[in-house]
Amino acid sequence: MATGGGEHLHIIDQLQSTVQSIIHRIGGDNSYAQRLLNKIHALQEKVESLSGQERVEFLHNAKDTLRNTIEHAEQKLMQYTNFQQVYNYSIVAALLFTVLLVIALFGYKLYKSLMEKELKKKEKLKTKQAKKSKKTN
């Protein structure tokens, strides 16, 4: 019976290693993943505190639940990762948009300023020509 308990303990180890490998793949600080690892650790301590037969029965009854938890954890972690990526891309896109907007604003102001200078130059030239034509008359 002790070997049966050892085989069933493999499920918890599998759950823990799956979550850790997912965390390693997605990287970053993930509070959901950390809470999940803490829960797995607490479950492992609880199972280890049970006697041999209780442990076997508990793990046998919880096997499907643990397998579903592995799948659910992977889905949640991937959703969190996708959200983080979209969030990060959104921030980068917003910053790029802001920089482009500022560049466009300065470009417009520069264009407007240059056009005003050109207009003033033309008016000055017209005024000079008008004065010149008055002097010649």
N, C-alpha and C. Protein backbone atom coordinates (compact mmCIF):
# COMPACT_ATOMS: atom_id res chain seq x y z
N MET A 1 0.81 -1.19 0.00
CA MET A 1 0.00 0.00 0.00
C MET A 1 0.85 1.26 0.00
N ALA A 2 2.01 1.19 0.55
CA ALA A 2 2.88 2.36 0.58
C ALA A 2 3.28 2.76 -0.83
N THR A 3 3.48 1.77 -1.72
CA THR A 3 3.83 2.12 -3.09
C THR A 3 2.66 2.77 -3.80
N GLY A 4 1.44 2.35 -3.47
CA GLY A 4 0.26 3.00 -4.05
C GLY A 4 0.20 4.46 -3.68
N GLY A 5 0.52 4.76 -2.42
CA GLY A 5 0.53 6.15 -1.97
C GLY A 5 1.60 6.94 -2.70
N GLY A 6 2.76 6.31 -2.93
CA GLY A 6 3.84 6.97 -3.64
C GLY A 6 3.46 7.26 -5.08
N GLU A 7 2.74 6.33 -5.70
CA GLU A 7 2.29 6.54 -7.07
C GLU A 7 1.28 7.68 -7.12
N HIS A 8 0.40 7.73 -6.13
CA HIS A 8 -0.60 8.80 -6.11
C HIS A 8 0.04 10.15 -5.80
N LEU A 9 1.08 10.17 -4.98
CA LEU A 9 1.77 11.42 -4.70
C LEU A 9 2.38 12.00 -5.97
N HIS A 10 2.63 11.15 -6.94
CA HIS A 10 3.17 11.60 -8.22
C HIS A 10 2.22 12.61 -8.88
N ILE A 11 0.93 12.49 -8.64
CA ILE A 11 -0.05 13.41 -9.23
C ILE A 11 0.20 14.83 -8.73
N ILE A 12 0.46 14.97 -7.44
CA ILE A 12 0.73 16.30 -6.89
C ILE A 12 2.04 16.85 -7.44
N ASP A 13 3.04 15.99 -7.52
CA ASP A 13 4.31 16.42 -8.11
C ASP A 13 4.10 16.85 -9.56
N GLN A 14 3.29 16.11 -10.28
CA GLN A 14 2.99 16.43 -11.68
C GLN A 14 2.30 17.79 -11.77
N LEU A 15 1.33 18.02 -10.90
CA LEU A 15 0.63 19.29 -10.87
C LEU A 15 1.60 20.43 -10.60
N GLN A 16 2.44 20.24 -9.62
CA GLN A 16 3.41 21.28 -9.26
C GLN A 16 4.39 21.53 -10.40
N SER A 17 4.91 20.46 -11.00
CA SER A 17 5.88 20.65 -12.09
C SER A 17 5.22 21.26 -13.32
N THR A 18 3.95 20.92 -13.58
CA THR A 18 3.24 21.52 -14.70
C THR A 18 3.09 23.02 -14.52
N VAL A 19 2.66 23.41 -13.33
CA VAL A 19 2.49 24.84 -13.05
C VAL A 19 3.84 25.56 -13.14
N GLN A 20 4.88 24.95 -12.59
CA GLN A 20 6.20 25.59 -12.64
C GLN A 20 6.72 25.70 -14.08
N SER A 21 6.47 24.68 -14.90
CA SER A 21 6.93 24.76 -16.28
C SER A 21 6.16 25.81 -17.06
N ILE A 22 4.87 25.95 -16.75
CA ILE A 22 4.08 26.99 -17.41
C ILE A 22 4.59 28.36 -17.00
N ILE A 23 4.86 28.52 -15.72
CA ILE A 23 5.38 29.80 -15.23
C ILE A 23 6.72 30.10 -15.90
N HIS A 24 7.55 29.08 -16.03
CA HIS A 24 8.85 29.26 -16.67
C HIS A 24 8.68 29.67 -18.14
N ARG A 25 7.71 29.06 -18.81
CA ARG A 25 7.46 29.39 -20.22
C ARG A 25 6.95 30.80 -20.40
N ILE A 26 6.01 31.21 -19.54
CA ILE A 26 5.41 32.52 -19.72
C ILE A 26 6.23 33.62 -19.08
N GLY A 27 7.06 33.25 -18.12
CA GLY A 27 7.92 34.23 -17.46
C GLY A 27 7.13 35.27 -16.69
N GLY A 28 7.86 36.17 -16.10
CA GLY A 28 7.23 37.27 -15.39
C GLY A 28 6.71 36.89 -14.02
N ASP A 29 6.19 37.89 -13.34
CA ASP A 29 5.64 37.72 -12.01
C ASP A 29 4.14 37.53 -12.15
N ASN A 30 3.66 36.38 -11.76
CA ASN A 30 2.25 36.05 -11.94
C ASN A 30 1.67 35.72 -10.57
N SER A 31 0.81 36.58 -10.06
CA SER A 31 0.26 36.38 -8.72
C SER A 31 -0.67 35.16 -8.69
N TYR A 32 -1.40 34.93 -9.77
CA TYR A 32 -2.27 33.74 -9.82
C TYR A 32 -1.42 32.48 -9.72
N ALA A 33 -0.32 32.44 -10.46
CA ALA A 33 0.55 31.26 -10.44
C ALA A 33 1.15 31.06 -9.06
N GLN A 34 1.53 32.15 -8.41
CA GLN A 34 2.13 32.03 -7.08
C GLN A 34 1.11 31.51 -6.07
N ARG A 35 -0.13 32.02 -6.15
CA ARG A 35 -1.18 31.52 -5.25
C ARG A 35 -1.45 30.05 -5.52
N LEU A 36 -1.42 29.66 -6.78
CA LEU A 36 -1.66 28.27 -7.15
C LEU A 36 -0.55 27.38 -6.59
N LEU A 37 0.69 27.82 -6.70
CA LEU A 37 1.80 27.03 -6.15
C LEU A 37 1.68 26.90 -4.64
N ASN A 38 1.26 27.98 -3.99
CA ASN A 38 1.06 27.93 -2.53
C ASN A 38 -0.02 26.92 -2.16
N LYS A 39 -1.11 26.89 -2.94
CA LYS A 39 -2.18 25.93 -2.67
C LYS A 39 -1.70 24.50 -2.89
N ILE A 40 -0.91 24.30 -3.93
CA ILE A 40 -0.38 22.96 -4.21
C ILE A 40 0.52 22.51 -3.06
N HIS A 41 1.34 23.43 -2.59
CA HIS A 41 2.24 23.11 -1.47
C HIS A 41 1.43 22.75 -0.22
N ALA A 42 0.36 23.52 0.05
CA ALA A 42 -0.50 23.22 1.21
C ALA A 42 -1.17 21.86 1.05
N LEU A 43 -1.61 21.55 -0.17
CA LEU A 43 -2.22 20.25 -0.43
C LEU A 43 -1.21 19.13 -0.21
N GLN A 44 0.01 19.37 -0.66
CA GLN A 44 1.05 18.35 -0.49
C GLN A 44 1.32 18.11 0.99
N GLU A 45 1.38 19.16 1.78
CA GLU A 45 1.59 19.01 3.22
C GLU A 45 0.43 18.25 3.87
N LYS A 46 -0.79 18.56 3.43
CA LYS A 46 -1.96 17.88 3.98
C LYS A 46 -1.91 16.39 3.66
N VAL A 47 -1.58 16.06 2.42
CA VAL A 47 -1.53 14.66 2.00
C VAL A 47 -0.42 13.93 2.76
N GLU A 48 0.70 14.58 2.95
CA GLU A 48 1.81 13.94 3.66
C GLU A 48 1.48 13.71 5.13
N SER A 49 0.56 14.50 5.67
CA SER A 49 0.20 14.33 7.08
C SER A 49 -0.79 13.18 7.29
N LEU A 50 -1.41 12.72 6.21
CA LEU A 50 -2.36 11.60 6.32
C LEU A 50 -1.62 10.29 6.49
N SER A 51 -2.30 9.32 7.12
CA SER A 51 -1.70 7.99 7.25
C SER A 51 -1.72 7.32 5.87
N GLY A 52 -1.00 6.22 5.73
CA GLY A 52 -0.86 5.53 4.45
C GLY A 52 -2.16 5.24 3.75
N GLN A 53 -3.11 4.59 4.42
CA GLN A 53 -4.38 4.22 3.78
C GLN A 53 -5.22 5.45 3.48
N GLU A 54 -5.25 6.42 4.40
CA GLU A 54 -6.01 7.65 4.17
C GLU A 54 -5.45 8.41 2.98
N ARG A 55 -4.14 8.43 2.89
CA ARG A 55 -3.47 9.12 1.79
C ARG A 55 -3.87 8.48 0.45
N VAL A 56 -3.82 7.16 0.39
CA VAL A 56 -4.17 6.45 -0.84
C VAL A 56 -5.61 6.74 -1.22
N GLU A 57 -6.52 6.67 -0.26
CA GLU A 57 -7.94 6.92 -0.53
C GLU A 57 -8.18 8.36 -0.96
N PHE A 58 -7.55 9.30 -0.25
CA PHE A 58 -7.72 10.71 -0.59
C PHE A 58 -7.23 10.99 -2.01
N LEU A 59 -6.04 10.53 -2.32
CA LEU A 59 -5.47 10.79 -3.64
C LEU A 59 -6.22 10.04 -4.74
N HIS A 60 -6.68 8.84 -4.44
CA HIS A 60 -7.45 8.10 -5.44
C HIS A 60 -8.74 8.84 -5.76
N ASN A 61 -9.41 9.34 -4.74
CA ASN A 61 -10.65 10.09 -4.94
C ASN A 61 -10.40 11.45 -5.60
N ALA A 62 -9.25 12.04 -5.35
CA ALA A 62 -8.95 13.38 -5.87
C ALA A 62 -8.22 13.36 -7.21
N LYS A 63 -7.91 12.17 -7.73
CA LYS A 63 -7.10 12.07 -8.95
C LYS A 63 -7.71 12.86 -10.11
N ASP A 64 -8.99 12.66 -10.39
CA ASP A 64 -9.63 13.36 -11.51
C ASP A 64 -9.67 14.87 -11.25
N THR A 65 -9.95 15.22 -10.02
CA THR A 65 -9.98 16.64 -9.68
C THR A 65 -8.62 17.27 -9.89
N LEU A 66 -7.57 16.59 -9.49
CA LEU A 66 -6.23 17.12 -9.68
C LEU A 66 -5.87 17.24 -11.16
N ARG A 67 -6.25 16.25 -11.95
CA ARG A 67 -5.99 16.33 -13.40
C ARG A 67 -6.75 17.51 -14.02
N ASN A 68 -8.00 17.70 -13.62
CA ASN A 68 -8.77 18.84 -14.11
C ASN A 68 -8.14 20.15 -13.66
N THR A 69 -7.62 20.15 -12.44
CA THR A 69 -6.95 21.34 -11.92
C THR A 69 -5.73 21.67 -12.75
N ILE A 70 -4.99 20.66 -13.17
CA ILE A 70 -3.82 20.89 -14.02
C ILE A 70 -4.25 21.58 -15.32
N GLU A 71 -5.29 21.06 -15.96
CA GLU A 71 -5.77 21.65 -17.21
C GLU A 71 -6.29 23.07 -16.98
N HIS A 72 -7.06 23.24 -15.91
CA HIS A 72 -7.62 24.56 -15.60
C HIS A 72 -6.50 25.57 -15.31
N ALA A 73 -5.50 25.13 -14.56
CA ALA A 73 -4.38 26.03 -14.22
C ALA A 73 -3.65 26.46 -15.48
N GLU A 74 -3.43 25.54 -16.38
CA GLU A 74 -2.73 25.89 -17.62
C GLU A 74 -3.55 26.90 -18.42
N GLN A 75 -4.86 26.69 -18.50
CA GLN A 75 -5.71 27.63 -19.23
C GLN A 75 -5.68 29.01 -18.59
N LYS A 76 -5.81 29.05 -17.26
CA LYS A 76 -5.81 30.33 -16.55
C LYS A 76 -4.49 31.08 -16.74
N LEU A 77 -3.39 30.34 -16.60
CA LEU A 77 -2.08 30.97 -16.74
C LEU A 77 -1.88 31.50 -18.16
N MET A 78 -2.34 30.75 -19.14
CA MET A 78 -2.22 31.21 -20.53
C MET A 78 -3.10 32.43 -20.77
N GLN A 79 -4.31 32.45 -20.20
CA GLN A 79 -5.18 33.61 -20.34
C GLN A 79 -4.53 34.83 -19.71
N TYR A 80 -3.95 34.64 -18.53
CA TYR A 80 -3.27 35.73 -17.84
C TYR A 80 -2.12 36.24 -18.69
N THR A 81 -1.36 35.32 -19.28
CA THR A 81 -0.23 35.70 -20.12
C THR A 81 -0.71 36.48 -21.33
N ASN A 82 -1.77 36.00 -21.98
CA ASN A 82 -2.30 36.70 -23.14
C ASN A 82 -2.77 38.09 -22.75
N PHE A 83 -3.42 38.21 -21.60
CA PHE A 83 -3.86 39.52 -21.13
C PHE A 83 -2.66 40.42 -20.90
N GLN A 84 -1.62 39.89 -20.27
CA GLN A 84 -0.42 40.68 -20.01
C GLN A 84 0.21 41.15 -21.31
N GLN A 85 0.27 40.27 -22.32
CA GLN A 85 0.86 40.65 -23.59
C GLN A 85 0.04 41.74 -24.27
N VAL A 86 -1.28 41.57 -24.27
CA VAL A 86 -2.16 42.58 -24.88
C VAL A 86 -2.00 43.90 -24.13
N TYR A 87 -1.95 43.82 -22.82
CA TYR A 87 -1.79 45.03 -22.00
C TYR A 87 -0.47 45.72 -22.33
N ASN A 88 0.61 44.94 -22.40
CA ASN A 88 1.92 45.51 -22.72
C ASN A 88 1.93 46.12 -24.11
N TYR A 89 1.35 45.42 -25.10
CA TYR A 89 1.28 45.95 -26.46
C TYR A 89 0.43 47.21 -26.50
N SER A 90 -0.62 47.25 -25.70
CA SER A 90 -1.47 48.44 -25.66
C SER A 90 -0.71 49.64 -25.13
N ILE A 91 0.08 49.41 -24.10
CA ILE A 91 0.89 50.51 -23.54
C ILE A 91 1.88 51.01 -24.59
N VAL A 92 2.56 50.09 -25.26
CA VAL A 92 3.53 50.48 -26.29
C VAL A 92 2.82 51.22 -27.41
N ALA A 93 1.66 50.73 -27.85
CA ALA A 93 0.91 51.38 -28.91
C ALA A 93 0.48 52.79 -28.48
N ALA A 94 0.03 52.93 -27.24
CA ALA A 94 -0.39 54.24 -26.74
C ALA A 94 0.79 55.21 -26.70
N LEU A 95 1.95 54.72 -26.27
CA LEU A 95 3.14 55.57 -26.23
C LEU A 95 3.55 55.98 -27.65
N LEU A 96 3.55 55.03 -28.57
CA LEU A 96 3.89 55.36 -29.96
C LEU A 96 2.90 56.38 -30.54
N PHE A 97 1.61 56.17 -30.27
CA PHE A 97 0.60 57.10 -30.75
C PHE A 97 0.84 58.50 -30.18
N THR A 98 1.15 58.57 -28.88
CA THR A 98 1.41 59.85 -28.24
C THR A 98 2.62 60.55 -28.86
N VAL A 99 3.70 59.78 -29.08
CA VAL A 99 4.91 60.35 -29.69
C VAL A 99 4.60 60.85 -31.10
N LEU A 100 3.87 60.05 -31.88
CA LEU A 100 3.51 60.47 -33.23
C LEU A 100 2.61 61.71 -33.21
N LEU A 101 1.71 61.76 -32.25
CA LEU A 101 0.82 62.91 -32.12
C LEU A 101 1.63 64.17 -31.79
N VAL A 102 2.58 64.06 -30.89
CA VAL A 102 3.43 65.21 -30.53
C VAL A 102 4.26 65.65 -31.73
N ILE A 103 4.83 64.66 -32.45
CA ILE A 103 5.62 65.00 -33.64
C ILE A 103 4.74 65.68 -34.68
N ALA A 104 3.53 65.16 -34.88
CA ALA A 104 2.61 65.76 -35.84
C ALA A 104 2.23 67.18 -35.42
N LEU A 105 2.00 67.39 -34.13
CA LEU A 105 1.65 68.72 -33.63
C LEU A 105 2.79 69.70 -33.87
N PHE A 106 4.02 69.29 -33.53
CA PHE A 106 5.16 70.17 -33.76
C PHE A 106 5.38 70.40 -35.26
N GLY A 107 5.17 69.37 -36.06
CA GLY A 107 5.30 69.52 -37.51
C GLY A 107 4.28 70.51 -38.05
N TYR A 108 3.04 70.41 -37.57
CA TYR A 108 2.00 71.33 -38.00
C TYR A 108 2.33 72.76 -37.59
N LYS A 109 2.77 72.92 -36.33
CA LYS A 109 3.13 74.26 -35.84
C LYS A 109 4.28 74.84 -36.67
N LEU A 110 5.27 74.02 -36.99
CA LEU A 110 6.41 74.47 -37.79
C LEU A 110 5.94 74.87 -39.18
N TYR A 111 5.09 74.03 -39.79
CA TYR A 111 4.56 74.33 -41.11
C TYR A 111 3.78 75.65 -41.09
N LYS A 112 2.93 75.81 -40.06
CA LYS A 112 2.13 77.02 -39.95
C LYS A 112 3.03 78.24 -39.77
N SER A 113 4.05 78.11 -38.96
CA SER A 113 4.98 79.21 -38.73
C SER A 113 5.72 79.58 -40.01
N LEU A 114 6.18 78.57 -40.73
CA LEU A 114 6.89 78.84 -41.99
C LEU A 114 5.96 79.50 -43.02
N MET A 115 4.72 79.06 -43.06
CA MET A 115 3.76 79.65 -43.99
C MET A 115 3.48 81.11 -43.63
N GLU A 116 3.38 81.40 -42.31
CA GLU A 116 3.16 82.77 -41.88
C GLU A 116 4.36 83.65 -42.25
N LYS A 117 5.57 83.15 -42.07
CA LYS A 117 6.77 83.90 -42.45
C LYS A 117 6.79 84.17 -43.95
N GLU A 118 6.43 83.14 -44.71
CA GLU A 118 6.39 83.29 -46.17
C GLU A 118 5.35 84.33 -46.57
N LEU A 119 4.20 84.30 -45.91
CA LEU A 119 3.13 85.26 -46.19
C LEU A 119 3.58 86.68 -45.83
N LYS A 120 4.24 86.82 -44.67
CA LYS A 120 4.74 88.14 -44.27
C LYS A 120 5.78 88.65 -45.25
N LYS A 121 6.63 87.73 -45.74
CA LYS A 121 7.65 88.11 -46.72
C LYS A 121 7.00 88.63 -47.99
N LYS A 122 5.96 87.92 -48.46
CA LYS A 122 5.25 88.34 -49.67
C LYS A 122 4.57 89.68 -49.46
N GLU A 123 3.95 89.87 -48.27
CA GLU A 123 3.30 91.15 -47.99
C GLU A 123 4.32 92.28 -47.95
N LYS A 124 5.46 92.01 -47.36
CA LYS A 124 6.53 93.01 -47.28
C LYS A 124 7.01 93.37 -48.68
N LEU A 125 7.16 92.32 -49.50
CA LEU A 125 7.61 92.55 -50.87
C LEU A 125 6.58 93.35 -51.64
N LYS A 126 5.29 93.06 -51.46
CA LYS A 126 4.24 93.82 -52.12
C LYS A 126 4.23 95.26 -51.65
N THR A 127 4.43 95.43 -50.33
CA THR A 127 4.47 96.78 -49.78
C THR A 127 5.63 97.56 -50.37
N LYS A 128 6.78 96.91 -50.49
CA LYS A 128 7.95 97.57 -51.07
C LYS A 128 7.69 97.94 -52.53
N GLN A 129 7.10 97.01 -53.27
CA GLN A 129 6.81 97.27 -54.67
C GLN A 129 5.78 98.39 -54.81
N ALA A 130 4.81 98.41 -53.89
CA ALA A 130 3.80 99.46 -53.94
C ALA A 130 4.45 100.81 -53.65
N LYS A 131 5.37 100.89 -52.69
CA LYS A 131 6.07 102.13 -52.38
C LYS A 131 6.93 102.56 -53.56
N LYS A 132 7.58 101.59 -54.20
CA LYS A 132 8.44 101.87 -55.33
C LYS A 132 7.61 102.43 -56.50
N SER A 133 6.48 101.82 -56.74
CA SER A 133 5.64 102.28 -57.84
C SER A 133 5.05 103.66 -57.53
N LYS A 134 4.82 103.97 -56.26
CA LYS A 134 4.33 105.31 -55.87
C LYS A 134 5.42 106.34 -56.10
N LYS A 135 6.68 105.99 -55.80
CA LYS A 135 7.80 106.92 -55.97
C LYS A 135 8.01 107.22 -57.46
N THR A 136 7.84 106.22 -58.27
CA THR A 136 8.06 106.43 -59.70
C THR A 136 6.91 107.22 -60.31
N ASN A 137 5.78 107.26 -59.74
CA ASN A 137 4.65 108.04 -60.27
C ASN A 137 4.75 109.46 -59.90
